Amino acid sequence: MGGKCPHRNVKKRRYSHKTHRRDKFLVKGDDMVYDQLKKPDEEKKPLPVDEDLPGMGQYYCLHCDRYFANVAVRDEHFKTKRHKKRVKQMMGPAPHTQLDADIASGMGMPDNGPKLMSMSDAN
């Protein structure tokens, strides 16, 4: 009698662990999306037709890096909280890049101070 409730520690996973990890690496980084948003309109080319993507690759959200099946689904996505947060994040300061991370960890370009005269220049 008694004991633990059998469903207390069971957590329902929506996606399998492998699928979730794989999708994480297919998304463009914040810095790449930020750079693409800052391009002038003349450099942006129309989306190519791709049969493997939802909606033949024609309905795309640049901020979230997602493709949609049709215009209605894409427009519904534009109203979501997740999309609005992403737009606000991309309109702010530039996200960190790999160069920033390297410099912060001490692996960036070294600062050795001003160049001194070498022995051959002294003569």
PDB file of N, CA and C in Angstrom:
ATOM      1  N   MET A   1       0.820  -1.176   0.000  1.00  0.00           N
ATOM      2  CA  MET A   1       0.000   0.000   0.000  1.00  0.00           C
ATOM      3  C   MET A   1       0.872   1.250   0.000  1.00  0.00           C
ATOM      4  N   GLY A   2       0.397   2.328  -0.533  1.00  0.00           N
ATOM      5  CA  GLY A   2       1.174   3.558  -0.541  1.00  0.00           C
ATOM      6  C   GLY A   2       2.247   3.526  -1.605  1.00  0.00           C
ATOM      7  N   GLY A   3       3.395   4.056  -1.285  1.00  0.00           N
ATOM      8  CA  GLY A   3       4.497   4.100  -2.236  1.00  0.00           C
ATOM      9  C   GLY A   3       4.434   5.348  -3.104  1.00  0.00           C
ATOM     10  N   LYS A   4       5.307   5.397  -4.068  1.00  0.00           N
ATOM     11  CA  LYS A   4       5.368   6.574  -4.935  1.00  0.00           C
ATOM     12  C   LYS A   4       4.260   6.539  -5.985  1.00  0.00           C
ATOM     13  N   CYS A   5       3.861   7.699  -6.382  1.00  0.00           N
ATOM     14  CA  CYS A   5       2.894   7.828  -7.465  1.00  0.00           C
ATOM     15  C   CYS A   5       3.614   7.468  -8.764  1.00  0.00           C
ATOM     16  N   PRO A   6       3.093   6.540  -9.563  1.00  0.00           N
ATOM     17  CA  PRO A   6       3.844   6.048 -10.724  1.00  0.00           C
ATOM     18  C   PRO A   6       4.110   7.096 -11.797  1.00  0.00           C
ATOM     19  N   HIS A   7       3.294   8.121 -11.866  1.00  0.00           N
ATOM     20  CA  HIS A   7       3.488   9.083 -12.959  1.00  0.00           C
ATOM     21  C   HIS A   7       4.148  10.377 -12.507  1.00  0.00           C
ATOM     22  N   ARG A   8       4.624  10.448 -11.297  1.00  0.00           N
ATOM     23  CA  ARG A   8       5.162  11.707 -10.791  1.00  0.00           C
ATOM     24  C   ARG A   8       6.441  12.135 -11.523  1.00  0.00           C
ATOM     25  N   ASN A   9       7.349  11.212 -11.753  1.00  0.00           N
ATOM     26  CA  ASN A   9       8.630  11.572 -12.371  1.00  0.00           C
ATOM     27  C   ASN A   9       8.654  11.382 -13.876  1.00  0.00           C
ATOM     28  N   VAL A  10       7.551  10.994 -14.451  1.00  0.00           N
ATOM     29  CA  VAL A  10       7.508  10.772 -15.893  1.00  0.00           C
ATOM     30  C   VAL A  10       7.253  12.108 -16.583  1.00  0.00           C
ATOM     31  N   LYS A  11       8.147  12.466 -17.462  1.00  0.00           N
ATOM     32  CA  LYS A  11       7.988  13.707 -18.214  1.00  0.00           C
ATOM     33  C   LYS A  11       7.730  13.342 -19.665  1.00  0.00           C
ATOM     34  N   LYS A  12       6.677  13.893 -20.191  1.00  0.00           N
ATOM     35  CA  LYS A  12       6.337  13.602 -21.574  1.00  0.00           C
ATOM     36  C   LYS A  12       7.216  14.442 -22.486  1.00  0.00           C
ATOM     37  N   ARG A  13       7.892  13.780 -23.383  1.00  0.00           N
ATOM     38  CA  ARG A  13       8.728  14.486 -24.349  1.00  0.00           C
ATOM     39  C   ARG A  13       7.945  14.654 -25.637  1.00  0.00           C
ATOM     40  N   ARG A  14       7.914  15.868 -26.140  1.00  0.00           N
ATOM     41  CA  ARG A  14       7.221  16.106 -27.405  1.00  0.00           C
ATOM     42  C   ARG A  14       8.019  15.527 -28.566  1.00  0.00           C
ATOM     43  N   TYR A  15       9.297  15.752 -28.549  1.00  0.00           N
ATOM     44  CA  TYR A  15      10.157  15.284 -29.628  1.00  0.00           C
ATOM     45  C   TYR A  15      11.182  14.326 -29.039  1.00  0.00           C
ATOM     46  N   SER A  16      11.684  13.463 -29.871  1.00  0.00           N
ATOM     47  CA  SER A  16      12.739  12.598 -29.371  1.00  0.00           C
ATOM     48  C   SER A  16      13.998  13.445 -29.151  1.00  0.00           C
ATOM     49  N   HIS A  17      14.841  12.986 -28.298  1.00  0.00           N
ATOM     50  CA  HIS A  17      16.037  13.733 -27.942  1.00  0.00           C
ATOM     51  C   HIS A  17      16.925  13.976 -29.157  1.00  0.00           C
ATOM     52  N   LYS A  18      17.093  12.956 -29.994  1.00  0.00           N
ATOM     53  CA  LYS A  18      17.954  13.090 -31.171  1.00  0.00           C
ATOM     54  C   LYS A  18      17.430  14.141 -32.142  1.00  0.00           C
ATOM     55  N   THR A  19      16.121  14.153 -32.357  1.00  0.00           N
ATOM     56  CA  THR A  19      15.529  15.114 -33.286  1.00  0.00           C
ATOM     57  C   THR A  19      15.740  16.538 -32.783  1.00  0.00           C
ATOM     58  N   HIS A  20      15.535  16.740 -31.496  1.00  0.00           N
ATOM     59  CA  HIS A  20      15.705  18.065 -30.926  1.00  0.00           C
ATOM     60  C   HIS A  20      17.152  18.534 -31.059  1.00  0.00           C
ATOM     61  N   ARG A  21      18.110  17.666 -30.796  1.00  0.00           N
ATOM     62  CA  ARG A  21      19.529  18.032 -30.909  1.00  0.00           C
ATOM     63  C   ARG A  21      19.896  18.327 -32.358  1.00  0.00           C
ATOM     64  N   ARG A  22      19.374  17.548 -33.296  1.00  0.00           N
ATOM     65  CA  ARG A  22      19.699  17.743 -34.702  1.00  0.00           C
ATOM     66  C   ARG A  22      19.152  19.082 -35.195  1.00  0.00           C
ATOM     67  N   ASP A  23      17.929  19.420 -34.810  1.00  0.00           N
ATOM     68  CA  ASP A  23      17.327  20.677 -35.234  1.00  0.00           C
ATOM     69  C   ASP A  23      18.082  21.875 -34.708  1.00  0.00           C
ATOM     70  N   LYS A  24      18.718  21.714 -33.570  1.00  0.00           N
ATOM     71  CA  LYS A  24      19.460  22.814 -32.960  1.00  0.00           C
ATOM     72  C   LYS A  24      20.596  23.279 -33.876  1.00  0.00           C
ATOM     73  N   PHE A  25      21.209  22.336 -34.603  1.00  0.00           N
ATOM     74  CA  PHE A  25      22.346  22.675 -35.443  1.00  0.00           C
ATOM     75  C   PHE A  25      21.942  23.085 -36.853  1.00  0.00           C
ATOM     76  N   LEU A  26      20.684  22.884 -37.230  1.00  0.00           N
ATOM     77  CA  LEU A  26      20.234  23.272 -38.553  1.00  0.00           C
ATOM     78  C   LEU A  26      19.805  24.732 -38.612  1.00  0.00           C
ATOM     79  N   VAL A  27      19.624  25.360 -37.460  1.00  0.00           N
ATOM     80  CA  VAL A  27      19.184  26.752 -37.399  1.00  0.00           C
ATOM     81  C   VAL A  27      20.391  27.669 -37.571  1.00  0.00           C
ATOM     82  N   LYS A  28      20.212  28.742 -38.329  1.00  0.00           N
ATOM     83  CA  LYS A  28      21.296  29.709 -38.503  1.00  0.00           C
ATOM     84  C   LYS A  28      21.577  30.404 -37.183  1.00  0.00           C
ATOM     85  N   GLY A  29      22.803  30.812 -36.974  1.00  0.00           N
ATOM     86  CA  GLY A  29      23.168  31.542 -35.775  1.00  0.00           C
ATOM     87  C   GLY A  29      22.602  32.954 -35.792  1.00  0.00           C
ATOM     88  N   ASP A  30      22.516  33.542 -34.607  1.00  0.00           N
ATOM     89  CA  ASP A  30      21.984  34.895 -34.494  1.00  0.00           C
ATOM     90  C   ASP A  30      22.788  35.891 -35.308  1.00  0.00           C
ATOM     91  N   ASP A  31      24.113  35.726 -35.331  1.00  0.00           N
ATOM     92  CA  ASP A  31      24.946  36.677 -36.057  1.00  0.00           C
ATOM     93  C   ASP A  31      24.704  36.603 -37.565  1.00  0.00           C
ATOM     94  N   MET A  32      24.450  35.400 -38.106  1.00  0.00           N
ATOM     95  CA  MET A  32      24.186  35.257 -39.536  1.00  0.00           C
ATOM     96  C   MET A  32      22.845  35.895 -39.913  1.00  0.00           C
ATOM     97  N   VAL A  33      21.825  35.687 -39.062  1.00  0.00           N
ATOM     98  CA  VAL A  33      20.513  36.276 -39.319  1.00  0.00           C
ATOM     99  C   VAL A  33      20.607  37.793 -39.225  1.00  0.00           C
ATOM    100  N   TYR A  34      21.337  38.289 -38.242  1.00  0.00           N
ATOM    101  CA  TYR A  34      21.511  39.730 -38.054  1.00  0.00           C
ATOM    102  C   TYR A  34      22.175  40.360 -39.281  1.00  0.00           C
ATOM    103  N   ASP A  35      23.219  39.710 -39.799  1.00  0.00           N
ATOM    104  CA  ASP A  35      23.906  40.218 -40.994  1.00  0.00           C
ATOM    105  C   ASP A  35      22.978  40.231 -42.209  1.00  0.00           C
ATOM    106  N   GLN A  36      22.153  39.200 -42.330  1.00  0.00           N
ATOM    107  CA  GLN A  36      21.240  39.116 -43.467  1.00  0.00           C
ATOM    108  C   GLN A  36      20.158  40.196 -43.387  1.00  0.00           C
ATOM    109  N   LEU A  37      19.730  40.525 -42.168  1.00  0.00           N
ATOM    110  CA  LEU A  37      18.725  41.575 -41.996  1.00  0.00           C
ATOM    111  C   LEU A  37      19.294  42.950 -42.310  1.00  0.00           C
ATOM    112  N   LYS A  38      20.584  43.152 -42.078  1.00  0.00           N
ATOM    113  CA  LYS A  38      21.206  44.454 -42.292  1.00  0.00           C
ATOM    114  C   LYS A  38      21.574  44.718 -43.751  1.00  0.00           C
ATOM    115  N   LYS A  39      21.455  43.689 -44.615  1.00  0.00           N
ATOM    116  CA  LYS A  39      21.758  43.874 -46.031  1.00  0.00           C
ATOM    117  C   LYS A  39      20.734  44.808 -46.671  1.00  0.00           C
ATOM    118  N   PRO A  40      21.160  45.611 -47.639  1.00  0.00           N
ATOM    119  CA  PRO A  40      20.185  46.442 -48.362  1.00  0.00           C
ATOM    120  C   PRO A  40      19.221  45.564 -49.173  1.00  0.00           C
ATOM    121  N   ASP A  41      18.070  46.097 -49.501  1.00  0.00           N
ATOM    122  CA  ASP A  41      17.045  45.338 -50.222  1.00  0.00           C
ATOM    123  C   ASP A  41      17.491  44.907 -51.616  1.00  0.00           C
ATOM    124  N   GLU A  42      18.417  45.645 -52.222  1.00  0.00           N
ATOM    125  CA  GLU A  42      18.866  45.298 -53.570  1.00  0.00           C
ATOM    126  C   GLU A  42      19.630  43.966 -53.569  1.00  0.00           C
ATOM    127  N   GLU A  43      20.337  43.673 -52.466  1.00  0.00           N
ATOM    128  CA  GLU A  43      21.145  42.450 -52.420  1.00  0.00           C
ATOM    129  C   GLU A  43      20.322  41.215 -52.101  1.00  0.00           C
ATOM    130  N   LYS A  44      19.114  41.393 -51.562  1.00  0.00           N
ATOM    131  CA  LYS A  44      18.271  40.248 -51.227  1.00  0.00           C
ATOM    132  C   LYS A  44      17.649  39.699 -52.495  1.00  0.00           C
ATOM    133  N   LYS A  45      17.892  38.418 -52.760  1.00  0.00           N
ATOM    134  CA  LYS A  45      17.359  37.804 -53.969  1.00  0.00           C
ATOM    135  C   LYS A  45      16.107  36.989 -53.629  1.00  0.00           C
ATOM    136  N   PRO A  46      15.226  36.750 -54.599  1.00  0.00           N
ATOM    137  CA  PRO A  46      14.016  35.973 -54.330  1.00  0.00           C
ATOM    138  C   PRO A  46      14.367  34.535 -53.938  1.00  0.00           C
ATOM    139  N   LEU A  47      13.471  33.916 -53.187  1.00  0.00           N
ATOM    140  CA  LEU A  47      13.727  32.562 -52.703  1.00  0.00           C
ATOM    141  C   LEU A  47      13.627  31.553 -53.845  1.00  0.00           C
ATOM    142  N   PRO A  48      14.595  30.645 -53.967  1.00  0.00           N
ATOM    143  CA  PRO A  48      14.507  29.627 -55.013  1.00  0.00           C
ATOM    144  C   PRO A  48      13.464  28.567 -54.641  1.00  0.00           C
ATOM    145  N   VAL A  49      12.887  27.945 -55.645  1.00  0.00           N
ATOM    146  CA  VAL A  49      11.900  26.880 -55.409  1.00  0.00           C
ATOM    147  C   VAL A  49      12.658  25.618 -55.015  1.00  0.00           C
ATOM    148  N   ASP A  50      12.286  25.048 -53.851  1.00  0.00           N
ATOM    149  CA  ASP A  50      12.932  23.833 -53.353  1.00  0.00           C
ATOM    150  C   ASP A  50      11.839  22.872 -52.909  1.00  0.00           C
ATOM    151  N   GLU A  51      11.752  21.724 -53.570  1.00  0.00           N
ATOM    152  CA  GLU A  51      10.685  20.765 -53.280  1.00  0.00           C
ATOM    153  C   GLU A  51      10.822  20.113 -51.906  1.00  0.00           C
ATOM    154  N   ASP A  52      12.003  20.126 -51.336  1.00  0.00           N
ATOM    155  CA  ASP A  52      12.215  19.473 -50.045  1.00  0.00           C
ATOM    156  C   ASP A  52      11.747  20.320 -48.863  1.00  0.00           C
ATOM    157  N   LEU A  53      11.583  21.607 -49.064  1.00  0.00           N
ATOM    158  CA  LEU A  53      11.173  22.494 -47.980  1.00  0.00           C
ATOM    159  C   LEU A  53       9.657  22.651 -47.960  1.00  0.00           C
ATOM    160  N   PRO A  54       9.087  22.973 -46.793  1.00  0.00           N
ATOM    161  CA  PRO A  54       7.643  23.203 -46.734  1.00  0.00           C
ATOM    162  C   PRO A  54       7.242  24.382 -47.618  1.00  0.00           C
ATOM    163  N   GLY A  55       6.120  24.237 -48.320  1.00  0.00           N
ATOM    164  CA  GLY A  55       5.637  25.314 -49.181  1.00  0.00           C
ATOM    165  C   GLY A  55       6.576  25.619 -50.330  1.00  0.00           C
ATOM    166  N   MET A  56       7.322  24.639 -50.768  1.00  0.00           N
ATOM    167  CA  MET A  56       8.290  24.782 -51.867  1.00  0.00           C
ATOM    168  C   MET A  56       9.349  25.844 -51.561  1.00  0.00           C
ATOM    169  N   GLY A  57       9.533  26.173 -50.294  1.00  0.00           N
ATOM    170  CA  GLY A  57      10.558  27.134 -49.891  1.00  0.00           C
ATOM    171  C   GLY A  57      10.212  28.581 -50.169  1.00  0.00           C
ATOM    172  N   GLN A  58       8.920  28.884 -50.397  1.00  0.00           N
ATOM    173  CA  GLN A  58       8.526  30.241 -50.768  1.00  0.00           C
ATOM    174  C   GLN A  58       8.053  31.091 -49.595  1.00  0.00           C
ATOM    175  N   TYR A  59       7.696  30.469 -48.493  1.00  0.00           N
ATOM    176  CA  TYR A  59       7.164  31.207 -47.333  1.00  0.00           C
ATOM    177  C   TYR A  59       8.164  31.073 -46.186  1.00  0.00           C
ATOM    178  N   TYR A  60       8.943  32.114 -45.988  1.00  0.00           N
ATOM    179  CA  TYR A  60      10.101  32.060 -45.084  1.00  0.00           C
ATOM    180  C   TYR A  60      10.065  33.219 -44.107  1.00  0.00           C
ATOM    181  N   CYS A  61      10.394  32.950 -42.849  1.00  0.00           N
ATOM    182  CA  CYS A  61      10.537  34.000 -41.844  1.00  0.00           C
ATOM    183  C   CYS A  61      12.029  34.195 -41.630  1.00  0.00           C
ATOM    184  N   LEU A  62      12.535  35.336 -42.020  1.00  0.00           N
ATOM    185  CA  LEU A  62      13.960  35.618 -41.952  1.00  0.00           C
ATOM    186  C   LEU A  62      14.451  35.713 -40.512  1.00  0.00           C
ATOM    187  N   HIS A  63      13.632  36.305 -39.637  1.00  0.00           N
ATOM    188  CA  HIS A  63      14.044  36.485 -38.245  1.00  0.00           C
ATOM    189  C   HIS A  63      14.211  35.150 -37.519  1.00  0.00           C
ATOM    190  N   CYS A  64      13.281  34.220 -37.758  1.00  0.00           N
ATOM    191  CA  CYS A  64      13.284  32.939 -37.042  1.00  0.00           C
ATOM    192  C   CYS A  64      13.957  31.829 -37.835  1.00  0.00           C
ATOM    193  N   ASP A  65      14.295  32.073 -39.093  1.00  0.00           N
ATOM    194  CA  ASP A  65      14.920  31.085 -39.966  1.00  0.00           C
ATOM    195  C   ASP A  65      14.034  29.845 -40.081  1.00  0.00           C
ATOM    196  N   ARG A  66      12.764  30.052 -40.448  1.00  0.00           N
ATOM    197  CA  ARG A  66      11.808  28.957 -40.592  1.00  0.00           C
ATOM    198  C   ARG A  66      11.050  29.089 -41.903  1.00  0.00           C
ATOM    199  N   TYR A  67      10.720  27.928 -42.490  1.00  0.00           N
ATOM    200  CA  TYR A  67       9.891  27.868 -43.688  1.00  0.00           C
ATOM    201  C   TYR A  67       8.491  27.412 -43.295  1.00  0.00           C
ATOM    202  N   PHE A  68       7.480  27.876 -44.037  1.00  0.00           N
ATOM    203  CA  PHE A  68       6.100  27.546 -43.726  1.00  0.00           C
ATOM    204  C   PHE A  68       5.396  26.977 -44.948  1.00  0.00           C
ATOM    205  N   ALA A  69       4.315  26.237 -44.706  1.00  0.00           N
ATOM    206  CA  ALA A  69       3.597  25.555 -45.779  1.00  0.00           C
ATOM    207  C   ALA A  69       2.821  26.520 -46.672  1.00  0.00           C
ATOM    208  N   ASN A  70       2.264  27.591 -46.089  1.00  0.00           N
ATOM    209  CA  ASN A  70       1.508  28.546 -46.902  1.00  0.00           C
ATOM    210  C   ASN A  70       1.506  29.913 -46.227  1.00  0.00           C
ATOM    211  N   VAL A  71       0.899  30.882 -46.883  1.00  0.00           N
ATOM    212  CA  VAL A  71       0.894  32.261 -46.395  1.00  0.00           C
ATOM    213  C   VAL A  71       0.141  32.374 -45.070  1.00  0.00           C
ATOM    214  N   ALA A  72      -0.965  31.644 -44.941  1.00  0.00           N
ATOM    215  CA  ALA A  72      -1.781  31.741 -43.731  1.00  0.00           C
ATOM    216  C   ALA A  72      -0.997  31.300 -42.499  1.00  0.00           C
ATOM    217  N   VAL A  73      -0.252  30.224 -42.619  1.00  0.00           N
ATOM    218  CA  VAL A  73       0.542  29.721 -41.491  1.00  0.00           C
ATOM    219  C   VAL A  73       1.657  30.703 -41.156  1.00  0.00           C
ATOM    220  N   ARG A  74       2.287  31.259 -42.196  1.00  0.00           N
ATOM    221  CA  ARG A  74       3.351  32.235 -41.956  1.00  0.00           C
ATOM    222  C   ARG A  74       2.814  33.489 -41.273  1.00  0.00           C
ATOM    223  N   ASP A  75       1.668  33.973 -41.732  1.00  0.00           N
ATOM    224  CA  ASP A  75       1.078  35.159 -41.123  1.00  0.00           C
ATOM    225  C   ASP A  75       0.653  34.892 -39.687  1.00  0.00           C
ATOM    226  N   GLU A  76       0.198  33.684 -39.411  1.00  0.00           N
ATOM    227  CA  GLU A  76      -0.155  33.310 -38.033  1.00  0.00           C
ATOM    228  C   GLU A  76       1.108  33.286 -37.162  1.00  0.00           C
ATOM    229  N   HIS A  77       2.210  32.838 -37.748  1.00  0.00           N
ATOM    230  CA  HIS A  77       3.489  32.813 -37.022  1.00  0.00           C
ATOM    231  C   HIS A  77       3.934  34.235 -36.670  1.00  0.00           C
ATOM    232  N   PHE A  78       3.687  35.195 -37.556  1.00  0.00           N
ATOM    233  CA  PHE A  78       4.090  36.577 -37.297  1.00  0.00           C
ATOM    234  C   PHE A  78       3.410  37.157 -36.065  1.00  0.00           C
ATOM    235  N   LYS A  79       2.287  36.599 -35.666  1.00  0.00           N
ATOM    236  CA  LYS A  79       1.541  37.096 -34.502  1.00  0.00           C
ATOM    237  C   LYS A  79       1.980  36.449 -33.186  1.00  0.00           C
ATOM    238  N   THR A  80       2.841  35.450 -33.247  1.00  0.00           N
ATOM    239  CA  THR A  80       3.208  34.718 -32.033  1.00  0.00           C
ATOM    240  C   THR A  80       4.206  35.496 -31.178  1.00  0.00           C
ATOM    241  N   LYS A  81       4.214  35.144 -29.916  1.00  0.00           N
ATOM    242  CA  LYS A  81       5.105  35.778 -28.946  1.00  0.00           C
ATOM    243  C   LYS A  81       6.571  35.465 -29.275  1.00  0.00           C
ATOM    244  N   ARG A  82       6.824  34.245 -29.692  1.00  0.00           N
ATOM    245  CA  ARG A  82       8.187  33.819 -30.006  1.00  0.00           C
ATOM    246  C   ARG A  82       8.785  34.656 -31.146  1.00  0.00           C
ATOM    247  N   HIS A  83       7.971  34.896 -32.186  1.00  0.00           N
ATOM    248  CA  HIS A  83       8.449  35.688 -33.322  1.00  0.00           C
ATOM    249  C   HIS A  83       8.684  37.138 -32.908  1.00  0.00           C
ATOM    250  N   LYS A  84       7.773  37.695 -32.128  1.00  0.00           N
ATOM    251  CA  LYS A  84       7.915  39.093 -31.713  1.00  0.00           C
ATOM    252  C   LYS A  84       9.153  39.296 -30.847  1.00  0.00           C
ATOM    253  N   LYS A  85       9.455  38.320 -29.990  1.00  0.00           N
ATOM    254  CA  LYS A  85      10.676  38.397 -29.171  1.00  0.00           C
ATOM    255  C   LYS A  85      11.914  38.356 -30.058  1.00  0.00           C
ATOM    256  N   ARG A  86      11.856  37.502 -31.071  1.00  0.00           N
ATOM    257  CA  ARG A  86      12.992  37.352 -31.982  1.00  0.00           C
ATOM    258  C   ARG A  86      13.232  38.643 -32.777  1.00  0.00           C
ATOM    259  N   VAL A  87      12.163  39.278 -33.234  1.00  0.00           N
ATOM    260  CA  VAL A  87      12.278  40.537 -33.977  1.00  0.00           C
ATOM    261  C   VAL A  87      12.893  41.608 -33.085  1.00  0.00           C
ATOM    262  N   LYS A  88      12.422  41.680 -31.843  1.00  0.00           N
ATOM    263  CA  LYS A  88      12.943  42.669 -30.902  1.00  0.00           C
ATOM    264  C   LYS A  88      14.428  42.421 -30.627  1.00  0.00           C
ATOM    265  N   GLN A  89      14.802  41.150 -30.512  1.00  0.00           N
ATOM    266  CA  GLN A  89      16.201  40.789 -30.268  1.00  0.00           C
ATOM    267  C   GLN A  89      17.079  41.188 -31.455  1.00  0.00           C
ATOM    268  N   MET A  90      16.581  40.991 -32.687  1.00  0.00           N
ATOM    269  CA  MET A  90      17.365  41.307 -33.878  1.00  0.00           C
ATOM    270  C   MET A  90      17.444  42.810 -34.139  1.00  0.00           C
ATOM    271  N   MET A  91      16.515  43.593 -33.618  1.00  0.00           N
ATOM    272  CA  MET A  91      16.552  45.044 -33.809  1.00  0.00           C
ATOM    273  C   MET A  91      17.478  45.729 -32.804  1.00  0.00           C
ATOM    274  N   GLY A  92      17.920  45.003 -31.802  1.00  0.00           N
ATOM    275  CA  GLY A  92      18.801  45.553 -30.782  1.00  0.00           C
ATOM    276  C   GLY A  92      20.253  45.579 -31.239  1.00  0.00           C
ATOM    277  N   PRO A  93      21.185  45.559 -30.282  1.00  0.00           N
ATOM    278  CA  PRO A  93      22.610  45.567 -30.646  1.00  0.00           C
ATOM    279  C   PRO A  93      23.014  44.265 -31.338  1.00  0.00           C
ATOM    280  N   ALA A  94      24.124  44.318 -32.051  1.00  0.00           N
ATOM    281  CA  ALA A  94      24.589  43.150 -32.792  1.00  0.00           C
ATOM    282  C   ALA A  94      24.914  42.010 -31.836  1.00  0.00           C
ATOM    283  N   PRO A  95      24.524  40.777 -32.189  1.00  0.00           N
ATOM    284  CA  PRO A  95      24.844  39.632 -31.331  1.00  0.00           C
ATOM    285  C   PRO A  95      26.343  39.331 -31.375  1.00  0.00           C
ATOM    286  N   HIS A  96      26.797  38.569 -30.418  1.00  0.00           N
ATOM    287  CA  HIS A  96      28.218  38.222 -30.345  1.00  0.00           C
ATOM    288  C   HIS A  96      28.601  37.314 -31.498  1.00  0.00           C
ATOM    289  N   THR A  97      29.816  37.483 -31.980  1.00  0.00           N
ATOM    290  CA  THR A  97      30.333  36.650 -33.060  1.00  0.00           C
ATOM    291  C   THR A  97      31.427  35.752 -32.517  1.00  0.00           C
ATOM    292  N   GLN A  98      31.940  34.883 -33.361  1.00  0.00           N
ATOM    293  CA  GLN A  98      33.009  33.978 -32.943  1.00  0.00           C
ATOM    294  C   GLN A  98      34.281  34.767 -32.633  1.00  0.00           C
ATOM    295  N   LEU A  99      34.521  35.852 -33.354  1.00  0.00           N
ATOM    296  CA  LEU A  99      35.693  36.691 -33.091  1.00  0.00           C
ATOM    297  C   LEU A  99      35.614  37.287 -31.691  1.00  0.00           C
ATOM    298  N   ASP A 100      34.423  37.747 -31.279  1.00  0.00           N
ATOM    299  CA  ASP A 100      34.246  38.279 -29.923  1.00  0.00           C
ATOM    300  C   ASP A 100      34.577  37.214 -28.875  1.00  0.00           C
ATOM    301  N   ALA A 101      34.117  35.998 -29.120  1.00  0.00           N
ATOM    302  CA  ALA A 101      34.358  34.914 -28.175  1.00  0.00           C
ATOM    303  C   ALA A 101      35.845  34.584 -28.091  1.00  0.00           C
ATOM    304  N   ASP A 102      36.529  34.578 -29.235  1.00  0.00           N
ATOM    305  CA  ASP A 102      37.964  34.281 -29.240  1.00  0.00           C
ATOM    306  C   ASP A 102      38.759  35.352 -28.499  1.00  0.00           C
ATOM    307  N   ILE A 103      38.419  36.602 -28.717  1.00  0.00           N
ATOM    308  CA  ILE A 103      39.127  37.692 -28.045  1.00  0.00           C
ATOM    309  C   ILE A 103      38.887  37.641 -26.540  1.00  0.00           C
ATOM    310  N   ALA A 104      37.647  37.343 -26.141  1.00  0.00           N
ATOM    311  CA  ALA A 104      37.317  37.273 -24.712  1.00  0.00           C
ATOM    312  C   ALA A 104      38.049  36.135 -24.014  1.00  0.00           C
ATOM    313  N   SER A 105      38.290  35.047 -24.731  1.00  0.00           N
ATOM    314  CA  SER A 105      38.976  33.914 -24.119  1.00  0.00           C
ATOM    315  C   SER A 105      40.490  34.040 -24.206  1.00  0.00           C
ATOM    316  N   GLY A 106      40.982  35.094 -24.855  1.00  0.00           N
ATOM    317  CA  GLY A 106      42.424  35.293 -24.952  1.00  0.00           C
ATOM    318  C   GLY A 106      43.039  34.646 -26.176  1.00  0.00           C
ATOM    319  N   MET A 107      42.215  34.144 -27.089  1.00  0.00           N
ATOM    320  CA  MET A 107      42.740  33.476 -28.279  1.00  0.00           C
ATOM    321  C   MET A 107      42.713  34.383 -29.497  1.00  0.00           C
ATOM    322  N   GLY A 108      42.303  35.614 -29.321  1.00  0.00           N
ATOM    323  CA  GLY A 108      42.184  36.533 -30.448  1.00  0.00           C
ATOM    324  C   GLY A 108      43.527  37.098 -30.855  1.00  0.00           C
ATOM    325  N   MET A 109      43.467  38.192 -31.569  1.00  0.00           N
ATOM    326  CA  MET A 109      44.690  38.836 -32.038  1.00  0.00           C
ATOM    327  C   MET A 109      45.477  39.368 -30.834  1.00  0.00           C
ATOM    328  N   PRO A 110      46.741  39.046 -30.735  1.00  0.00           N
ATOM    329  CA  PRO A 110      47.512  39.498 -29.572  1.00  0.00           C
ATOM    330  C   PRO A 110      47.819  40.989 -29.649  1.00  0.00           C
ATOM    331  N   ASP A 111      47.905  41.603 -28.495  1.00  0.00           N
ATOM    332  CA  ASP A 111      48.280  43.003 -28.409  1.00  0.00           C
ATOM    333  C   ASP A 111      49.639  43.050 -27.726  1.00  0.00           C
ATOM    334  N   ASN A 112      50.694  43.124 -28.530  1.00  0.00           N
ATOM    335  CA  ASN A 112      52.057  43.082 -27.988  1.00  0.00           C
ATOM    336  C   ASN A 112      52.626  44.465 -27.742  1.00  0.00           C
ATOM    337  N   GLY A 113      51.827  45.466 -27.869  1.00  0.00           N
ATOM    338  CA  GLY A 113      52.317  46.814 -27.645  1.00  0.00           C
ATOM    339  C   GLY A 113      52.968  47.385 -28.888  1.00  0.00           C
ATOM    340  N   PRO A 114      53.574  48.580 -28.780  1.00  0.00           N
ATOM    341  CA  PRO A 114      54.198  49.195 -29.962  1.00  0.00           C
ATOM    342  C   PRO A 114      55.429  48.406 -30.394  1.00  0.00           C
ATOM    343  N   LYS A 115      55.686  48.445 -31.692  1.00  0.00           N
ATOM    344  CA  LYS A 115      56.833  47.738 -32.241  1.00  0.00           C
ATOM    345  C   LYS A 115      58.113  48.476 -31.867  1.00  0.00           C
ATOM    346  N   LEU A 116      59.075  47.730 -31.373  1.00  0.00           N
ATOM    347  CA  LEU A 116      60.356  48.319 -31.013  1.00  0.00           C
ATOM    348  C   LEU A 116      61.310  48.175 -32.186  1.00  0.00           C
ATOM    349  N   MET A 117      62.397  48.939 -32.158  1.00  0.00           N
ATOM    350  CA  MET A 117      63.391  48.831 -33.232  1.00  0.00           C
ATOM    351  C   MET A 117      64.113  47.493 -33.100  1.00  0.00           C
ATOM    352  N   SER A 118      64.307  46.837 -34.227  1.00  0.00           N
ATOM    353  CA  SER A 118      65.062  45.592 -34.194  1.00  0.00           C
ATOM    354  C   SER A 118      66.544  45.905 -34.289  1.00  0.00           C
ATOM    355  N   MET A 119      67.374  44.926 -34.058  1.00  0.00           N
ATOM    356  CA  MET A 119      68.827  45.115 -34.043  1.00  0.00           C
ATOM    357  C   MET A 119      69.351  45.546 -35.424  1.00  0.00           C
ATOM    358  N   SER A 120      68.756  45.051 -36.494  1.00  0.00           N
ATOM    359  CA  SER A 120      69.235  45.404 -37.828  1.00  0.00           C
ATOM    360  C   SER A 120      68.911  46.869 -38.173  1.00  0.00           C
ATOM    361  N   ASP A 121      67.807  47.409 -37.619  1.00  0.00           N
ATOM    362  CA  ASP A 121      67.443  48.789 -37.871  1.00  0.00           C
ATOM    363  C   ASP A 121      68.344  49.778 -37.110  1.00  0.00           C
ATOM    364  N   ALA A 122      68.954  49.339 -36.033  1.00  0.00           N
ATOM    365  CA  ALA A 122      69.747  50.228 -35.180  1.00  0.00           C
ATOM    366  C   ALA A 122      71.052  50.624 -35.876  1.00  0.00           C
ATOM    367  N   ASN A 123      71.581  49.800 -36.744  1.00  0.00           N
ATOM    368  CA  ASN A 123      72.853  50.096 -37.395  1.00  0.00           C
ATOM    369  C   ASN A 123      72.748  51.048 -38.486  1.00  0.00           C
TER     370      ASN A 123
END
